Each structure stands twice: as C-alpha cells, then as structure tokens.
Protein backbone atom coordinates (compact mmCIF):
# COMPACT_ATOMS: atom_id res chain seq x y z
CA UNK A 1 7.74 -141.56 -56.73
CA UNK A 2 9.82 -138.88 -55.00
CA UNK A 3 8.38 -135.42 -54.48
CA UNK A 4 9.50 -133.10 -57.25
CA UNK A 5 10.62 -129.65 -56.15
CA UNK A 6 10.66 -127.17 -59.01
CA UNK A 7 12.53 -123.85 -59.24
CA UNK A 8 11.60 -121.60 -62.19
CA UNK A 9 13.53 -118.64 -63.53
CA UNK A 10 12.20 -115.40 -62.06
CA UNK A 11 10.27 -113.27 -64.53
CA UNK A 12 9.63 -110.08 -62.53
CA UNK A 13 11.52 -107.11 -64.05
CA UNK A 14 14.84 -106.49 -62.29
CA UNK A 15 14.69 -109.64 -60.16
CA UNK A 16 18.10 -111.34 -60.08
CA UNK A 17 17.63 -113.70 -57.14
CA UNK A 18 16.87 -117.41 -57.39
CA UNK A 19 15.03 -119.64 -54.92
CA UNK A 20 17.67 -122.38 -54.80
CA UNK A 21 21.47 -122.21 -54.68
CA UNK A 22 23.96 -125.08 -55.14
CA UNK A 23 24.97 -124.95 -51.47
CA UNK A 24 21.48 -126.01 -50.35
CA UNK A 25 21.23 -128.95 -52.75
CA UNK A 26 22.92 -131.44 -50.44
CA UNK A 27 20.47 -130.58 -47.67
CA UNK A 28 17.53 -131.02 -50.03
CA UNK A 29 18.86 -134.47 -50.85
CA UNK A 30 18.38 -135.46 -47.21
CA UNK A 31 14.65 -134.81 -47.60
CA UNK A 32 14.42 -137.43 -50.34
CA UNK A 33 13.11 -135.05 -52.99
CA UNK A 34 13.91 -134.72 -56.69
CA UNK A 35 14.85 -131.24 -57.90
CA UNK A 36 13.86 -129.67 -61.21
CA UNK A 37 15.12 -126.30 -62.39
CA UNK A 38 14.34 -124.17 -65.39
CA UNK A 39 17.32 -123.64 -67.66
CA UNK A 40 19.27 -120.54 -66.66
CA UNK A 41 17.32 -119.98 -63.43
CA UNK A 42 20.47 -119.19 -61.42
CA UNK A 43 22.44 -117.23 -64.03
CA UNK A 44 21.53 -113.75 -62.72
CA UNK A 45 22.52 -114.86 -59.23
CA UNK A 46 25.95 -116.05 -60.34
CA UNK A 47 25.17 -119.79 -60.65
CA UNK A 48 25.46 -121.75 -63.89
CA UNK A 49 23.27 -124.76 -64.63
CA UNK A 50 26.37 -126.96 -64.27
CA UNK A 51 26.74 -125.80 -60.65
CA UNK A 52 23.50 -127.60 -59.78
CA UNK A 53 24.87 -131.12 -59.73
CA UNK A 54 22.21 -133.83 -59.79
CA UNK A 55 19.39 -131.45 -60.69
CA UNK A 56 17.15 -132.09 -63.68
CA UNK A 57 17.30 -129.01 -65.93
CA UNK A 58 14.15 -128.40 -68.01
CA UNK A 59 13.90 -126.08 -70.99
CA UNK A 60 10.87 -124.04 -69.99
CA UNK A 61 8.77 -122.90 -67.05
CA UNK A 62 5.75 -124.65 -68.58
CA UNK A 63 7.55 -127.99 -68.41
CA UNK A 64 8.57 -127.35 -64.84
CA UNK A 65 5.12 -126.30 -63.62
CA UNK A 66 3.58 -129.38 -65.23
CA UNK A 67 5.84 -131.70 -63.22
CA UNK A 68 6.56 -129.96 -59.90
CA UNK A 69 4.79 -131.07 -56.71
CA UNK A 70 6.38 -128.16 -54.83
CA UNK A 71 7.34 -124.90 -56.55
CA UNK A 72 9.78 -122.50 -54.89
CA UNK A 73 9.91 -118.90 -56.08
CA UNK A 74 11.22 -115.51 -55.02
CA UNK A 75 8.62 -113.12 -56.44
CA UNK A 76 4.87 -113.87 -56.51
CA UNK A 77 3.76 -115.70 -59.64
CA UNK A 78 1.82 -113.74 -62.23
CA UNK A 79 -1.81 -114.71 -62.76
CA UNK A 80 -0.70 -116.58 -65.86
CA UNK A 81 2.03 -118.44 -63.97
CA UNK A 82 -0.37 -119.30 -61.15
CA UNK A 83 -2.71 -120.82 -63.74
CA UNK A 84 0.08 -123.14 -64.94
CA UNK A 85 0.82 -124.68 -61.54
CA UNK A 86 -0.22 -128.30 -61.30
CA UNK A 87 -3.52 -128.54 -59.47
CA UNK A 88 -3.28 -129.41 -55.78
CA UNK A 89 0.46 -128.74 -55.49
CA UNK A 90 2.46 -126.58 -53.07
CA UNK A 91 3.90 -123.10 -53.66
CA UNK A 92 6.51 -121.40 -51.46
CA UNK A 93 7.73 -117.83 -51.82
CA UNK A 94 6.98 -114.16 -51.34
CA UNK A 95 3.29 -114.02 -52.32
CA UNK A 96 2.27 -110.42 -51.48
CA UNK A 97 -0.89 -111.41 -49.55
CA UNK A 98 -1.92 -107.76 -49.15
CA UNK A 99 -2.43 -107.30 -52.89
CA UNK A 100 -2.84 -109.18 -56.17
CA UNK A 101 -6.34 -110.53 -55.62
CA UNK A 102 -6.61 -112.03 -59.12
CA UNK A 103 -3.45 -114.03 -58.48
CA UNK A 104 -4.75 -115.26 -55.12
CA UNK A 105 -8.10 -116.24 -56.66
CA UNK A 106 -6.22 -118.20 -59.32
CA UNK A 107 -4.27 -120.07 -56.62
CA UNK A 108 -7.58 -120.99 -55.01
CA UNK A 109 -8.99 -122.09 -58.36
CA UNK A 110 -6.01 -124.39 -58.86
CA UNK A 111 -6.32 -125.63 -55.24
CA UNK A 112 -2.73 -124.65 -54.56
CA UNK A 113 -1.42 -124.92 -50.99
CA UNK A 114 0.54 -121.68 -50.94
CA UNK A 115 2.81 -120.58 -48.13
CA UNK A 116 3.78 -116.92 -48.02
CA UNK A 117 7.15 -115.93 -46.60
CA UNK A 118 5.61 -112.62 -45.51
CA UNK A 119 3.27 -114.51 -43.16
CA UNK A 120 5.88 -116.59 -41.32
CA UNK A 121 5.22 -115.87 -37.62
CA UNK A 122 7.77 -113.88 -35.66
CA UNK A 123 8.52 -116.60 -33.11
CA UNK A 124 11.87 -118.00 -32.01
CA UNK A 125 11.33 -121.35 -33.73
CA UNK A 126 10.72 -119.65 -37.08
CA UNK A 127 13.76 -117.36 -37.09
CA UNK A 128 15.59 -119.57 -39.58
CA UNK A 129 12.59 -119.29 -41.94
CA UNK A 130 12.14 -115.53 -41.60
CA UNK A 131 12.94 -114.36 -45.12
CA UNK A 132 11.66 -110.85 -44.43
CA UNK A 133 14.45 -110.44 -41.91
CA UNK A 134 17.17 -112.05 -44.02
CA UNK A 135 16.37 -109.83 -47.00
CA UNK A 136 15.84 -106.71 -44.88
CA UNK A 137 19.33 -107.14 -43.46
CA UNK A 138 20.70 -106.98 -47.00
CA UNK A 139 18.63 -103.88 -47.76
CA UNK A 140 19.96 -102.08 -44.68
CA UNK A 141 23.54 -102.86 -45.61
CA UNK A 142 23.14 -101.78 -49.22
CA UNK A 143 21.25 -98.59 -48.30
CA UNK A 144 24.32 -97.24 -46.51
CA UNK A 145 26.55 -98.04 -49.49
CA UNK A 146 24.09 -96.23 -51.75
CA UNK A 147 24.17 -93.21 -49.44
CA UNK A 148 27.98 -93.24 -49.36
CA UNK A 149 28.04 -93.38 -53.16
CA UNK A 150 25.56 -90.57 -53.72
CA UNK A 151 26.90 -88.12 -51.16
CA UNK A 152 29.83 -85.86 -51.90
CA UNK A 153 31.29 -86.53 -48.48
CA UNK A 154 33.54 -89.11 -46.85
CA UNK A 155 31.85 -91.21 -44.17
CA UNK A 156 34.93 -91.67 -41.92
CA UNK A 157 37.11 -89.02 -40.33
CA UNK A 158 40.30 -88.66 -42.33
CA UNK A 159 43.49 -86.95 -41.27
CA UNK A 160 45.49 -85.94 -44.34
CA UNK A 161 48.28 -83.56 -45.32
CA UNK A 162 45.51 -81.30 -46.64
CA UNK A 163 43.82 -81.20 -43.24
CA UNK A 164 41.31 -83.21 -41.23
CA UNK A 165 37.98 -84.26 -42.74
CA UNK A 166 35.16 -84.58 -40.24
CA UNK A 167 33.11 -87.80 -40.29
CA UNK A 168 29.67 -87.76 -41.90
CA UNK A 169 26.55 -87.64 -39.75
CA UNK A 170 24.12 -90.43 -40.57
CA UNK A 171 20.59 -90.74 -39.20
CA UNK A 172 18.80 -94.11 -39.43
CA UNK A 173 15.03 -93.98 -38.98
CA UNK A 174 13.48 -97.31 -38.07
CA UNK A 175 15.40 -99.83 -36.00
CA UNK A 176 14.06 -103.07 -37.37
CA UNK A 177 16.38 -105.57 -39.04
CA UNK A 178 17.15 -103.23 -41.95
CA UNK A 179 17.73 -100.27 -39.68
CA UNK A 180 20.03 -102.12 -37.31
CA UNK A 181 22.10 -103.41 -40.21
CA UNK A 182 22.26 -99.87 -41.60
CA UNK A 183 23.52 -98.60 -38.24
CA UNK A 184 26.19 -101.29 -38.07
CA UNK A 185 27.31 -100.66 -41.65
CA UNK A 186 27.46 -96.87 -41.25
CA UNK A 187 29.52 -97.30 -38.09
CA UNK A 188 31.90 -99.67 -39.90
CA UNK A 189 32.41 -96.95 -42.48
CA UNK A 190 33.32 -94.52 -39.71
CA UNK A 191 30.27 -92.27 -39.67
CA UNK A 192 28.71 -90.64 -36.61
CA UNK A 193 25.34 -92.38 -36.35
CA UNK A 194 22.04 -91.41 -34.77
CA UNK A 195 19.01 -93.68 -34.78
CA UNK A 196 15.32 -93.37 -34.13
CA UNK A 197 12.40 -95.76 -33.77
CA UNK A 198 8.94 -95.27 -32.27
CA UNK A 199 9.49 -98.50 -30.34
CA UNK A 200 11.44 -97.41 -27.28
CA UNK A 201 12.55 -101.01 -26.68
CA UNK A 202 14.97 -100.66 -29.60
CA UNK A 203 17.03 -97.98 -27.86
CA UNK A 204 19.38 -100.47 -26.23
CA UNK A 205 19.90 -102.31 -29.53
CA UNK A 206 20.75 -99.09 -31.36
CA UNK A 207 23.17 -97.97 -28.67
CA UNK A 208 24.86 -101.38 -28.59
CA UNK A 209 25.75 -100.84 -32.26
CA UNK A 210 27.26 -97.45 -31.57
CA UNK A 211 24.37 -95.14 -32.46
CA UNK A 212 23.00 -92.31 -30.35
CA UNK A 213 19.25 -92.80 -29.90
CA UNK A 214 16.95 -89.87 -30.69
CA UNK A 215 14.18 -89.55 -28.11
CA UNK A 216 11.05 -87.83 -29.47
CA UNK A 217 8.82 -88.83 -26.57
CA UNK A 218 6.63 -90.98 -28.85
CA UNK A 219 6.28 -94.70 -28.16
CA UNK A 220 4.39 -97.02 -30.49
CA UNK A 221 5.08 -100.68 -29.77
CA UNK A 222 2.78 -102.87 -31.88
CA UNK A 223 2.08 -106.56 -32.48
CA UNK A 224 4.55 -109.04 -33.94
CA UNK A 225 7.56 -106.79 -33.38
CA UNK A 226 6.22 -104.08 -35.69
CA UNK A 227 5.30 -100.52 -34.81
CA UNK A 228 1.64 -99.52 -34.64
CA UNK A 229 0.30 -96.63 -36.67
CA UNK A 230 0.77 -93.26 -34.95
CA UNK A 231 -2.01 -90.81 -34.17
CA UNK A 232 -1.91 -87.38 -35.85
CA UNK A 233 -0.74 -85.80 -32.59
CA UNK A 234 2.05 -88.35 -32.22
CA UNK A 235 3.09 -87.85 -35.83
CA UNK A 236 3.33 -84.10 -35.29
CA UNK A 237 5.43 -84.48 -32.14
CA UNK A 238 7.70 -87.02 -33.83
CA UNK A 239 8.15 -84.80 -36.89
CA UNK A 240 9.00 -81.73 -34.86
CA UNK A 241 11.86 -83.40 -32.97
CA UNK A 242 13.14 -85.42 -35.92
CA UNK A 243 13.20 -82.45 -38.27
CA UNK A 244 16.15 -80.85 -36.49
CA UNK A 245 18.14 -84.08 -36.52
CA UNK A 246 17.35 -84.69 -40.19
CA UNK A 247 18.38 -81.14 -41.13
CA UNK A 248 21.78 -81.66 -39.49
CA UNK A 249 22.46 -85.02 -41.15
CA UNK A 250 24.61 -85.71 -44.18
CA UNK A 251 22.74 -88.93 -44.92
CA UNK A 252 19.38 -90.25 -43.76
CA UNK A 253 18.27 -93.89 -44.14
CA UNK A 254 14.54 -94.50 -43.65
CA UNK A 255 13.20 -98.02 -43.13
CA UNK A 256 9.80 -97.54 -41.45
CA UNK A 257 7.10 -99.83 -42.84
CA UNK A 258 3.81 -101.35 -41.66
CA UNK A 259 2.84 -104.66 -43.34
CA UNK A 260 -0.15 -104.29 -45.64
CA UNK A 261 -0.32 -100.50 -45.33
CA UNK A 262 1.20 -97.47 -46.95
CA UNK A 263 4.54 -96.45 -45.45
CA UNK A 264 4.21 -93.69 -42.84
CA UNK A 265 5.29 -90.23 -44.01
CA UNK A 266 8.08 -89.14 -41.67
CA UNK A 267 10.00 -86.53 -43.69
CA UNK A 268 7.99 -83.73 -45.31
CA UNK A 269 9.16 -81.49 -48.13
CA UNK A 270 9.86 -78.59 -45.77
CA UNK A 271 12.29 -80.72 -43.76
CA UNK A 272 14.08 -81.85 -46.93
CA UNK A 273 14.49 -78.18 -47.85
CA UNK A 274 16.20 -77.54 -44.50
CA UNK A 275 18.91 -80.09 -45.28
CA UNK A 276 22.29 -78.97 -46.61
CA UNK A 277 23.13 -79.27 -50.28
CA UNK A 278 24.74 -82.61 -51.07
CA UNK A 279 22.85 -84.42 -48.30
CA UNK A 280 21.23 -87.74 -49.18
CA UNK A 281 18.05 -89.57 -48.18
CA UNK A 282 17.78 -93.29 -48.98
CA UNK A 283 14.14 -94.32 -48.59
CA UNK A 284 13.88 -98.09 -48.20
CA UNK A 285 10.09 -97.84 -47.85
CA UNK A 286 9.73 -96.47 -51.38
CA UNK A 287 7.85 -99.50 -52.71
CA UNK A 288 4.97 -98.87 -50.29
CA UNK A 289 4.83 -95.12 -50.82
CA UNK A 290 7.99 -93.98 -49.05
CA UNK A 291 8.77 -92.36 -45.72
CA UNK A 292 9.68 -89.08 -47.43
CA UNK A 293 7.20 -86.81 -49.16
CA UNK A 294 9.67 -86.20 -51.99
CA UNK A 295 10.36 -89.88 -52.73
CA UNK A 296 9.55 -91.29 -56.15
CA UNK A 297 9.89 -95.10 -56.17
CA UNK A 298 12.81 -96.24 -58.28
CA UNK A 299 13.97 -92.71 -59.02
CA UNK A 300 16.79 -90.46 -57.87
CA UNK A 301 15.29 -87.03 -57.13
CA UNK A 302 17.36 -83.86 -56.73
CA UNK A 303 15.27 -81.57 -54.53
CA UNK A 304 17.04 -78.25 -54.07
CA UNK A 305 20.41 -79.97 -53.91
CA UNK A 306 19.30 -82.84 -51.66
CA UNK A 307 19.34 -86.28 -53.28
CA UNK A 308 16.30 -88.41 -52.39
CA UNK A 309 16.52 -91.96 -53.70
CA UNK A 310 13.84 -94.62 -53.23
CA UNK A 311 15.38 -97.86 -54.57
CA UNK A 312 13.20 -100.81 -55.52
CA UNK A 313 13.96 -104.43 -54.60
CA UNK A 314 17.29 -103.68 -52.94
CA UNK A 315 18.10 -107.31 -51.98
CA UNK A 316 18.14 -108.23 -55.67
CA UNK A 317 21.18 -105.99 -56.13
CA UNK A 318 23.15 -108.33 -53.84
CA UNK A 319 21.84 -111.36 -55.70
CA UNK A 320 24.45 -113.96 -54.71
CA UNK A 321 24.20 -113.68 -50.95
CA UNK A 322 20.53 -112.69 -51.01
CA UNK A 323 19.78 -115.91 -52.89
CA UNK A 324 21.88 -117.97 -50.51
CA UNK A 325 20.08 -116.60 -47.47
CA UNK A 326 16.64 -116.88 -49.05
CA UNK A 327 17.26 -120.43 -50.25
CA UNK A 328 18.10 -121.46 -46.68
CA UNK A 329 14.88 -119.83 -45.46
CA UNK A 330 12.88 -121.83 -48.00
CA UNK A 331 14.72 -125.04 -47.17
CA UNK A 332 13.98 -124.64 -43.47
CA UNK A 333 10.28 -124.17 -44.25
CA UNK A 334 10.33 -127.16 -46.57
CA UNK A 335 11.68 -129.38 -43.77
CA UNK A 336 8.42 -128.76 -41.91
CA UNK A 337 6.33 -129.68 -44.95
CA UNK A 338 8.21 -132.79 -46.10
CA UNK A 339 8.62 -135.69 -43.68
CA UNK A 340 10.33 -138.93 -44.77
CA UNK A 341 9.95 -138.06 -48.42
CA UNK A 342 6.23 -137.30 -48.18
CA UNK A 343 4.27 -134.06 -47.96
CA UNK A 344 2.87 -133.62 -44.46
CA UNK A 345 0.89 -130.44 -43.91
CA UNK A 346 0.58 -130.46 -40.13
CA UNK A 347 -1.97 -127.76 -39.33
CA UNK A 348 -1.17 -128.07 -35.63
CA UNK A 349 2.21 -126.49 -36.39
CA UNK A 350 1.95 -122.72 -35.88
CA UNK A 351 4.50 -121.95 -38.59
CA UNK A 352 2.60 -123.97 -41.20
CA UNK A 353 -0.79 -122.68 -40.10
CA UNK A 354 0.14 -119.01 -39.92
CA UNK A 355 2.18 -118.88 -43.13
CA UNK A 356 -0.49 -120.56 -45.27
CA UNK A 357 -2.18 -118.20 -47.72
CA UNK A 358 -4.37 -120.65 -49.67
CA UNK A 359 -5.24 -124.34 -49.33
CA UNK A 360 -7.76 -126.64 -51.00
CA UNK A 361 -9.51 -123.80 -52.80
CA UNK A 362 -9.81 -121.51 -49.77
CA UNK A 363 -7.97 -118.42 -48.54
CA UNK A 364 -6.59 -119.28 -45.10
CA UNK A 365 -5.12 -115.86 -44.24
CA UNK A 366 -7.93 -113.99 -42.48
CA UNK A 367 -7.12 -110.40 -43.59
CA UNK A 368 -6.77 -111.54 -47.21
CA UNK A 369 -10.01 -113.53 -47.05
CA UNK A 370 -11.86 -110.55 -45.59
CA UNK A 371 -10.56 -108.28 -48.34
CA UNK A 372 -11.56 -110.69 -51.08
CA UNK A 373 -15.02 -111.23 -49.60
CA UNK A 374 -15.41 -107.46 -49.39
CA UNK A 375 -14.78 -107.20 -53.11
CA UNK A 376 -11.76 -104.91 -52.74
CA UNK A 377 -8.81 -105.16 -55.12
C-alpha cells in the first residue's frame, strides 16, 4: 500500500497558509505516495478542492489523521491534534521546539517521528528545505509595504508641478533574510535606505542592495548564521550610535531575533520619542517580545505621533506565494524521507538527524530534551 500523505486544514487563528499547493502535486506523484487533504484546506490560500486533481478529499481532520502515514502542516498541532495522529507516523511542519512542552510530550507518547522546519540545518544542501528563510523573505517584503501604508510620506522622490518631494529615509535593523528583502523592497520603492546588523560580514550584502551600512563598532557573529547575544556594554554602544540614525528615519524595520530566546531590545522608549511625528516602526520580532520597547504584539501603537506596529504571522498575509514556497520546502524534505515509495529515515543524513524533534517516543533535539528533563514549561 502506498504511503499516505495527509494535509489538514490549519486551525491556528489567522493562519491562511496551507502545506500543499496544486503545483507541487505532480512532484509528489513521482515519490509514489497517495495524497489526502481535508475539505477546504487550501481555500484561505486561494486554492479550491477541485484544484487538487487526483487528491482524496476527506470531510474532517479526524478522518485524515486516522489514515495519514505522513502529516504535513504549517503551524504546530495543538495537544488535541497531536493526540489524534496515528501512532508511529511522521509529522512535518513548524513545530516550535522551544515551547509547547505538552504538545511535544504528546508527540512522544504517540511515538511520532516529527521533523521541525525550525531545526533544518543551515547548510548548502538544505537551502531548498529552509522554510525559515523562505517565509522570512516574505515577511521582509511585506514589512516595507506595511511601513509605506502607515506613514504619511511617499517613499520615492517625486518631482511634481507642486514641487519636489524628497525620498523617505528607511532604516533596516537586522540583515538576515527578512532584512535583506526589506532593503531590496524599500530600494525598489525609491527610498534612501540604511541598514545595520551586529554581524559585520553582512555589510557587503547590504551595500550590494543599495543600502548604506551603519557601523556601530559592535560585532557579534554567532553560530549557524545567527547573531550571538550582546553583552550589556555592547548593547549600550550599539544603542547610542543607532539612536541618532533611528531618530532621523521616516521608517524603521526591525528583524533581529535569536532562536529560542526573547528578541533583543534595540529601540527604547526614549529613542522612539526622538523620532518625528508620522514616523513608523515595523517590528518583525514582535512575536518573541519585539525589538522595540513600545511594541505590543499584534497591535498598532501611536506613541507621541510615532506609529509602532508589531504584526503577527506576516507570511500568512501573503498566503498564496507563502504557501507555494513552503510547500516546496516540505516536498524537498519529504524526498529525503521517502525513497522508492517507502519511508526511509536515514539517521546518517545530517538534514534528517538535525531536523528531527521526536522519534520512537524520545525527544531527539538536545535543547528541547534538556528543557523537558529540567521540568521547565
């Protein structure tokens, strides 16, 4: 019997993405798998059930979970959903390994082999599987559009019969995937762009996209392409130099995040109060506490005339293309797990080994296992 790959409808509030799009179906067929989808799973992403030609549509998530050998999701399953997965099966998706201990314990109880997209190693061979990067690129793009919408200023320079309008000044803090896409998008809109990152190696990338790099004298290269946490002295030096650049900006996009930890505070209230009225801060790190002291996740805050917005789940707002990119990431991971129509969990493969969260009743991700054994929630 062919392996059954199941795709349920997402249940997390505000989530519009889906884990499989029609364009990836033909590729899945090459793996020799059968595909099951919950009725209406792709509707919020712009795909009708009829678009999924050859897929078996089931009426409920319960029916799907009872039959699927491999389940593909976007958001982590709830504890209840995790309890419905068929024992000993495979789960792929964003699984939030740094939180949700009850969910993780339930996956162990059900002996689920779960593979977390957050844990995919940052190596060349895994770039096509790196969903964090694909979704971060969308967030960076959309953040600039949000800033352009909320500000009372044009981004490009305009020469009109009523005079010349100067271009907006945009500062992007954090030059990871989201930050670089934000730089590129702001430049396309005609803004003057500055960029900052504690990793000095990103300077050339920022400048290649047309941004002027802000040098604070602080360098913080960390493991896996991420920045390490700054010392208090480094934070103070960084804040002092950045404050002047922030105060002179019409729009600031912040993207600084450290996996598994609260987002670093980069913009304090005093700096926000130095900004001109009508200026905008878009805080993409809002879901982990925010880079700005004024940020309230999911809310638009007017602080003395400065708009501070910390949007949640930004990729979901571009559901069509976000789903297409994410579905390809999942497919590329699935090709490592399914060989000649059979599941083959090759633990010698670094991608499979590193991305595994739970298997055969055990937590395989060391930091998560240590947290659970320590009794922390």
